[in-house]
Amino acid sequence: MTTGQDLLELSPVMPVVVIDDADDAVPAARALLAGGIGVIELTLRTPAALSAIERVAAEVPDIVIGAGTVTSPGQAKQAADSGAKFLVTPGCTDAVLDACFETGLPFLPGAATVSEAMRLAERGLTALKFFPAEASGGVAYLKSIAGPLPGLKFCPTGGITVASAPSYLALPNVGCIGGSWLTSSLATRDFATIEKLAAEAAKL
């Protein structure tokens, strides 16, 4: 895996996971893997995130572990140092973009407008995160920009459900979707349900 385009082909659904307790990271990753999902995006939204990434990278080598919600240059480096294999940003400043490039890791930079997508394309990036998907126009928006931006492919994330997922995945400019519903039972440590939801998502 060397490019952002490769990331879009790992799974129809990329689980977007918030970890409050690093002890939950490994069993959650194993449950996703058992269900047939070979990638996980752990968001840098909690103090436990970097430790969680480190543990998954060390203990669940068969899953591709990434860091999401990268919003500062320092976070990009910290995530790479913790063992992340890819990065995802909700949006992109020049500083964050430069820091992501410096890690050498593939990454999905966030864009919500045509101008943002064009700027990222100018930097050679053709695989982007579309965030927040539902709030920014969803399926209709992505369909409308496929014509003027034919060289770009997206991973829409934000507000997508198992019910709306197929309509996104049917679009030619969508490679995969980001979904938080797969680990909605994490708070109760119901890893069996995570595996079940992962198995359903893997078939989308």
C-alpha atoms as a PDB file:
ATOM      1  CA  MET A   1       0.000   0.000   0.000  1.00  0.00           C
ATOM      2  CA  THR A   2       1.707   3.149  -1.195  1.00  0.00           C
ATOM      3  CA  THR A   3      -0.971   5.631  -2.279  1.00  0.00           C
ATOM      4  CA  GLY A   4      -4.257   7.121  -1.189  1.00  0.00           C
ATOM      5  CA  GLN A   5      -5.960   5.310  -4.061  1.00  0.00           C
ATOM      6  CA  ASP A   6      -4.818   2.026  -2.514  1.00  0.00           C
ATOM      7  CA  LEU A   7      -6.560   3.009   0.741  1.00  0.00           C
ATOM      8  CA  LEU A   8      -9.881   3.341  -1.059  1.00  0.00           C
ATOM      9  CA  GLU A   9      -9.651  -0.269  -2.211  1.00  0.00           C
ATOM     10  CA  LEU A  10      -8.994  -1.927   1.159  1.00  0.00           C
ATOM     11  CA  SER A  11     -12.650  -2.264   2.146  1.00  0.00           C
ATOM     12  CA  PRO A  12     -16.050  -0.892   1.093  1.00  0.00           C
ATOM     13  CA  VAL A  13     -16.351   0.573   4.597  1.00  0.00           C
ATOM     14  CA  MET A  14     -13.516   2.110   6.578  1.00  0.00           C
ATOM     15  CA  PRO A  15     -14.426   1.931  10.286  1.00  0.00           C
ATOM     16  CA  VAL A  16     -13.970   5.327  11.956  1.00  0.00           C
ATOM     17  CA  VAL A  17     -13.313   4.543  15.599  1.00  0.00           C
ATOM     18  CA  VAL A  18     -13.045   6.724  18.712  1.00  0.00           C
ATOM     19  CA  ILE A  19     -11.155   4.951  21.513  1.00  0.00           C
ATOM     20  CA  ASP A  20     -11.534   6.204  25.075  1.00  0.00           C
ATOM     21  CA  ASP A  21      -9.684   3.281  26.659  1.00  0.00           C
ATOM     22  CA  ALA A  22      -6.589   1.920  24.897  1.00  0.00           C
ATOM     23  CA  ASP A  23      -7.409  -1.533  26.288  1.00  0.00           C
ATOM     24  CA  ASP A  24     -10.399  -1.676  23.915  1.00  0.00           C
ATOM     25  CA  ALA A  25      -8.370  -1.054  20.767  1.00  0.00           C
ATOM     26  CA  VAL A  26      -6.941  -4.532  20.197  1.00  0.00           C
ATOM     27  CA  PRO A  27     -10.196  -6.486  20.780  1.00  0.00           C
ATOM     28  CA  ALA A  28     -12.066  -4.003  18.569  1.00  0.00           C
ATOM     29  CA  ALA A  29      -9.503  -4.406  15.787  1.00  0.00           C
ATOM     30  CA  ARG A  30      -9.641  -8.189  16.110  1.00  0.00           C
ATOM     31  CA  ALA A  31     -13.443  -8.141  15.933  1.00  0.00           C
ATOM     32  CA  LEU A  32     -13.385  -6.033  12.762  1.00  0.00           C
ATOM     33  CA  LEU A  33     -10.803  -8.345  11.210  1.00  0.00           C
ATOM     34  CA  ALA A  34     -12.816 -11.436  12.143  1.00  0.00           C
ATOM     35  CA  GLY A  35     -15.800  -9.864  10.398  1.00  0.00           C
ATOM     36  CA  GLY A  36     -13.823  -9.348   7.210  1.00  0.00           C
ATOM     37  CA  ILE A  37     -12.789  -5.676   7.534  1.00  0.00           C
ATOM     38  CA  GLY A  38      -9.024  -5.343   7.146  1.00  0.00           C
ATOM     39  CA  VAL A  39      -8.633  -1.631   7.901  1.00  0.00           C
ATOM     40  CA  ILE A  40      -9.331   0.644  10.854  1.00  0.00           C
ATOM     41  CA  GLU A  41      -9.113   4.413  11.264  1.00  0.00           C
ATOM     42  CA  LEU A  42      -8.515   5.355  14.901  1.00  0.00           C
ATOM     43  CA  THR A  43      -9.282   9.027  15.385  1.00  0.00           C
ATOM     44  CA  LEU A  44      -6.968  11.310  17.332  1.00  0.00           C
ATOM     45  CA  ARG A  45      -9.859  12.690  19.375  1.00  0.00           C
ATOM     46  CA  THR A  46      -8.954  11.234  22.762  1.00  0.00           C
ATOM     47  CA  PRO A  47      -5.842  11.007  24.964  1.00  0.00           C
ATOM     48  CA  ALA A  48      -5.846   7.219  24.439  1.00  0.00           C
ATOM     49  CA  ALA A  49      -5.631   7.399  20.639  1.00  0.00           C
ATOM     50  CA  LEU A  50      -1.868   7.245  20.065  1.00  0.00           C
ATOM     51  CA  SER A  51      -1.421   4.433  22.578  1.00  0.00           C
ATOM     52  CA  ALA A  52      -4.313   2.588  20.921  1.00  0.00           C
ATOM     53  CA  ILE A  53      -2.668   2.911  17.499  1.00  0.00           C
ATOM     54  CA  GLU A  54       0.629   1.641  18.883  1.00  0.00           C
ATOM     55  CA  ARG A  55      -1.021  -1.405  20.435  1.00  0.00           C
ATOM     56  CA  VAL A  56      -3.042  -2.336  17.359  1.00  0.00           C
ATOM     57  CA  ALA A  57       0.035  -1.960  15.141  1.00  0.00           C
ATOM     58  CA  ALA A  58       1.983  -4.304  17.420  1.00  0.00           C
ATOM     59  CA  GLU A  59      -0.704  -6.850  18.297  1.00  0.00           C
ATOM     60  CA  VAL A  60      -2.964  -7.009  15.231  1.00  0.00           C
ATOM     61  CA  PRO A  61      -0.494  -6.851  12.325  1.00  0.00           C
ATOM     62  CA  ASP A  62      -3.023  -8.202   9.821  1.00  0.00           C
ATOM     63  CA  ILE A  63      -5.187  -5.083  10.000  1.00  0.00           C
ATOM     64  CA  VAL A  64      -4.126  -1.847   8.306  1.00  0.00           C
ATOM     65  CA  ILE A  65      -4.117   0.724  11.094  1.00  0.00           C
ATOM     66  CA  GLY A  66      -4.540   4.416  10.333  1.00  0.00           C
ATOM     67  CA  ALA A  67      -4.870   7.650  12.270  1.00  0.00           C
ATOM     68  CA  GLY A  68      -7.845   9.897  11.628  1.00  0.00           C
ATOM     69  CA  THR A  69      -8.739  13.458  12.659  1.00  0.00           C
ATOM     70  CA  VAL A  70      -5.181  14.627  11.991  1.00  0.00           C
ATOM     71  CA  THR A  71      -5.542  18.388  12.433  1.00  0.00           C
ATOM     72  CA  SER A  72      -1.993  19.570  13.163  1.00  0.00           C
ATOM     73  CA  PRO A  73       1.486  18.938  11.759  1.00  0.00           C
ATOM     74  CA  GLY A  74       2.608  17.477  15.084  1.00  0.00           C
ATOM     75  CA  GLN A  75      -0.189  14.911  15.073  1.00  0.00           C
ATOM     76  CA  ALA A  76       0.891  13.624  11.674  1.00  0.00           C
ATOM     77  CA  LYS A  77       4.369  12.845  12.968  1.00  0.00           C
ATOM     78  CA  GLN A  78       3.099  11.426  16.268  1.00  0.00           C
ATOM     79  CA  ALA A  79       0.727   9.096  14.433  1.00  0.00           C
ATOM     80  CA  ALA A  80       3.484   7.878  12.124  1.00  0.00           C
ATOM     81  CA  ASP A  81       5.807   7.331  15.087  1.00  0.00           C
ATOM     82  CA  SER A  82       3.058   5.325  16.830  1.00  0.00           C
ATOM     83  CA  GLY A  83       2.819   2.879  13.954  1.00  0.00           C
ATOM     84  CA  ALA A  84       0.004   4.269  11.817  1.00  0.00           C
ATOM     85  CA  LYS A  85       0.146   3.020   8.223  1.00  0.00           C
ATOM     86  CA  PHE A  86      -1.947   5.874   6.833  1.00  0.00           C
ATOM     87  CA  LEU A  87      -3.387   9.252   7.847  1.00  0.00           C
ATOM     88  CA  VAL A  88      -6.779  10.902   7.383  1.00  0.00           C
ATOM     89  CA  THR A  89      -7.530  14.599   7.857  1.00  0.00           C
ATOM     90  CA  PRO A  90     -10.974  16.219   8.203  1.00  0.00           C
ATOM     91  CA  GLY A  91      -9.798  19.253   6.235  1.00  0.00           C
ATOM     92  CA  CYS A  92      -6.438  20.512   5.048  1.00  0.00           C
ATOM     93  CA  THR A  93      -4.166  23.460   5.725  1.00  0.00           C
ATOM     94  CA  ASP A  94      -0.839  23.831   3.940  1.00  0.00           C
ATOM     95  CA  ALA A  95       1.032  23.011   7.154  1.00  0.00           C
ATOM     96  CA  VAL A  96      -0.915  19.806   7.781  1.00  0.00           C
ATOM     97  CA  LEU A  97      -0.577  18.797   4.144  1.00  0.00           C
ATOM     98  CA  ASP A  98       3.197  19.304   4.207  1.00  0.00           C
ATOM     99  CA  ALA A  99       3.495  17.326   7.450  1.00  0.00           C
ATOM    100  CA  CYS A 100       1.493  14.434   5.993  1.00  0.00           C
ATOM    101  CA  PHE A 101       3.746  14.336   2.947  1.00  0.00           C
ATOM    102  CA  GLU A 102       6.818  14.387   5.196  1.00  0.00           C
ATOM    103  CA  THR A 103       5.736  11.185   6.971  1.00  0.00           C
ATOM    104  CA  GLY A 104       5.906   9.283   3.696  1.00  0.00           C
ATOM    105  CA  LEU A 105       2.611   7.584   4.556  1.00  0.00           C
ATOM    106  CA  PRO A 106      -0.382   7.431   2.216  1.00  0.00           C
ATOM    107  CA  PHE A 107      -3.139   9.756   3.370  1.00  0.00           C
ATOM    108  CA  LEU A 108      -6.650  10.916   2.620  1.00  0.00           C
ATOM    109  CA  PRO A 109      -6.871  14.712   2.947  1.00  0.00           C
ATOM    110  CA  GLY A 110     -10.271  16.137   3.760  1.00  0.00           C
ATOM    111  CA  ALA A 111     -12.201  18.353   1.354  1.00  0.00           C
ATOM    112  CA  ALA A 112     -15.775  19.641   1.419  1.00  0.00           C
ATOM    113  CA  THR A 113     -15.780  22.082  -1.526  1.00  0.00           C
ATOM    114  CA  VAL A 114     -14.799  22.006  -5.186  1.00  0.00           C
ATOM    115  CA  SER A 115     -12.047  24.552  -4.562  1.00  0.00           C
ATOM    116  CA  GLU A 116     -10.553  22.475  -1.735  1.00  0.00           C
ATOM    117  CA  ALA A 117     -10.624  19.379  -3.911  1.00  0.00           C
ATOM    118  CA  MET A 118      -8.954  21.260  -6.779  1.00  0.00           C
ATOM    119  CA  ARG A 119      -6.215  22.556  -4.485  1.00  0.00           C
ATOM    120  CA  LEU A 120      -5.454  19.032  -3.301  1.00  0.00           C
ATOM    121  CA  ALA A 121      -5.469  17.760  -6.882  1.00  0.00           C
ATOM    122  CA  GLU A 122      -2.862  20.422  -7.710  1.00  0.00           C
ATOM    123  CA  ARG A 123      -0.625  18.778  -5.106  1.00  0.00           C
ATOM    124  CA  GLY A 124      -0.998  15.437  -6.840  1.00  0.00           C
ATOM    125  CA  LEU A 125      -3.656  14.013  -4.512  1.00  0.00           C
ATOM    126  CA  THR A 126      -6.500  12.222  -6.270  1.00  0.00           C
ATOM    127  CA  ALA A 127      -7.940  10.192  -3.360  1.00  0.00           C
ATOM    128  CA  LEU A 128      -9.708  12.475  -0.888  1.00  0.00           C
ATOM    129  CA  LYS A 129     -11.918  12.308   2.161  1.00  0.00           C
ATOM    130  CA  PHE A 130     -15.265  14.078   1.684  1.00  0.00           C
ATOM    131  CA  PHE A 131     -16.231  15.411   5.093  1.00  0.00           C
ATOM    132  CA  PRO A 132     -18.725  16.033   6.584  1.00  0.00           C
ATOM    133  CA  ALA A 133     -20.509  14.046   3.888  1.00  0.00           C
ATOM    134  CA  GLU A 134     -24.185  14.295   4.819  1.00  0.00           C
ATOM    135  CA  ALA A 135     -23.960  17.890   6.044  1.00  0.00           C
ATOM    136  CA  SER A 136     -22.123  18.936   2.869  1.00  0.00           C
ATOM    137  CA  GLY A 137     -24.666  17.630   0.391  1.00  0.00           C
ATOM    138  CA  GLY A 138     -24.134  13.890   0.474  1.00  0.00           C
ATOM    139  CA  VAL A 139     -24.817  11.686  -2.533  1.00  0.00           C
ATOM    140  CA  ALA A 140     -26.313  14.511  -4.627  1.00  0.00           C
ATOM    141  CA  TYR A 141     -23.230  16.684  -4.112  1.00  0.00           C
ATOM    142  CA  LEU A 142     -20.769  13.949  -5.030  1.00  0.00           C
ATOM    143  CA  LYS A 143     -22.811  13.081  -8.101  1.00  0.00           C
ATOM    144  CA  SER A 144     -22.790  16.715  -9.237  1.00  0.00           C
ATOM    145  CA  ILE A 145     -18.997  17.125  -8.996  1.00  0.00           C
ATOM    146  CA  ALA A 146     -18.114  13.862 -10.771  1.00  0.00           C
ATOM    147  CA  GLY A 147     -18.338  15.607 -14.152  1.00  0.00           C
ATOM    148  CA  PRO A 148     -16.031  18.589 -13.539  1.00  0.00           C
ATOM    149  CA  LEU A 149     -13.625  16.590 -11.342  1.00  0.00           C
ATOM    150  CA  PRO A 150     -13.408  13.229 -13.138  1.00  0.00           C
ATOM    151  CA  GLY A 151      -9.930  12.381 -11.858  1.00  0.00           C
ATOM    152  CA  LEU A 152     -10.848  12.451  -8.162  1.00  0.00           C
ATOM    153  CA  LYS A 153     -12.171   9.671  -5.969  1.00  0.00           C
ATOM    154  CA  PHE A 154     -13.578  10.077  -2.472  1.00  0.00           C
ATOM    155  CA  CYS A 155     -14.098   8.385   0.857  1.00  0.00           C
ATOM    156  CA  PRO A 156     -17.198  10.205   2.145  1.00  0.00           C
ATOM    157  CA  THR A 157     -17.459  10.225   5.927  1.00  0.00           C
ATOM    158  CA  GLY A 158     -19.836  11.853   8.381  1.00  0.00           C
ATOM    159  CA  GLY A 159     -23.429  10.950   9.027  1.00  0.00           C
ATOM    160  CA  ILE A 160     -23.444   7.883   6.774  1.00  0.00           C
ATOM    161  CA  THR A 161     -25.483   4.909   8.005  1.00  0.00           C
ATOM    162  CA  VAL A 162     -25.750   1.299   6.951  1.00  0.00           C
ATOM    163  CA  ALA A 163     -28.968   2.307   5.160  1.00  0.00           C
ATOM    164  CA  SER A 164     -27.420   5.158   3.161  1.00  0.00           C
ATOM    165  CA  ALA A 165     -24.102   3.396   2.490  1.00  0.00           C
ATOM    166  CA  PRO A 166     -25.173   1.606  -0.732  1.00  0.00           C
ATOM    167  CA  SER A 167     -26.231   4.861  -2.427  1.00  0.00           C
ATOM    168  CA  TYR A 168     -22.769   6.313  -1.779  1.00  0.00           C
ATOM    169  CA  LEU A 169     -20.935   3.170  -2.871  1.00  0.00           C
ATOM    170  CA  ALA A 170     -22.886   3.127  -6.141  1.00  0.00           C
ATOM    171  CA  LEU A 171     -21.278   6.420  -7.217  1.00  0.00           C
ATOM    172  CA  PRO A 172     -18.362   6.116  -9.666  1.00  0.00           C
ATOM    173  CA  ASN A 173     -16.284   8.690  -7.756  1.00  0.00           C
ATOM    174  CA  VAL A 174     -16.612   6.902  -4.396  1.00  0.00           C
ATOM    175  CA  GLY A 175     -14.019   4.261  -3.530  1.00  0.00           C
ATOM    176  CA  CYS A 176     -15.181   3.501   0.002  1.00  0.00           C
ATOM    177  CA  ILE A 177     -17.080   5.158   2.831  1.00  0.00           C
ATOM    178  CA  GLY A 178     -16.158   5.967   6.402  1.00  0.00           C
ATOM    179  CA  GLY A 179     -18.531   4.562   9.005  1.00  0.00           C
ATOM    180  CA  SER A 180     -18.701   4.920  12.766  1.00  0.00           C
ATOM    181  CA  TRP A 181     -21.698   2.604  13.160  1.00  0.00           C
ATOM    182  CA  LEU A 182     -19.523  -0.520  13.066  1.00  0.00           C
ATOM    183  CA  THR A 183     -18.153   0.177  16.540  1.00  0.00           C
ATOM    184  CA  SER A 184     -21.258   1.772  18.083  1.00  0.00           C
ATOM    185  CA  SER A 185     -21.257  -0.993  20.726  1.00  0.00           C
ATOM    186  CA  LEU A 186     -17.714  -0.204  21.857  1.00  0.00           C
ATOM    187  CA  ALA A 187     -18.907   1.589  24.993  1.00  0.00           C
ATOM    188  CA  THR A 188     -20.393  -1.660  26.288  1.00  0.00           C
ATOM    189  CA  ARG A 189     -17.450  -3.725  24.997  1.00  0.00           C
ATOM    190  CA  ASP A 190     -19.804  -5.776  22.862  1.00  0.00           C
ATOM    191  CA  PHE A 191     -17.170  -7.053  20.447  1.00  0.00           C
ATOM    192  CA  ALA A 192     -19.448  -9.789  19.079  1.00  0.00           C
ATOM    193  CA  THR A 193     -21.748  -7.110  17.674  1.00  0.00           C
ATOM    194  CA  ILE A 194     -18.771  -5.297  16.167  1.00  0.00           C
ATOM    195  CA  GLU A 195     -17.793  -8.509  14.371  1.00  0.00           C
ATOM    196  CA  LYS A 196     -21.380  -8.981  13.149  1.00  0.00           C
ATOM    197  CA  LEU A 197     -21.636  -5.411  11.829  1.00  0.00           C
ATOM    198  CA  ALA A 198     -18.225  -5.749  10.193  1.00  0.00           C
ATOM    199  CA  ALA A 199     -19.349  -8.917   8.399  1.00  0.00           C
ATOM    200  CA  GLU A 200     -22.415  -7.072   7.067  1.00  0.00           C
ATOM    201  CA  ALA A 201     -20.337  -4.054   6.016  1.00  0.00           C
ATOM    202  CA  ALA A 202     -17.778  -6.204   4.216  1.00  0.00           C
ATOM    203  CA  LYS A 203     -20.538  -7.352   1.852  1.00  0.00           C
ATOM    204  CA  LEU A 204     -21.722  -3.867   0.861  1.00  0.00           C
END
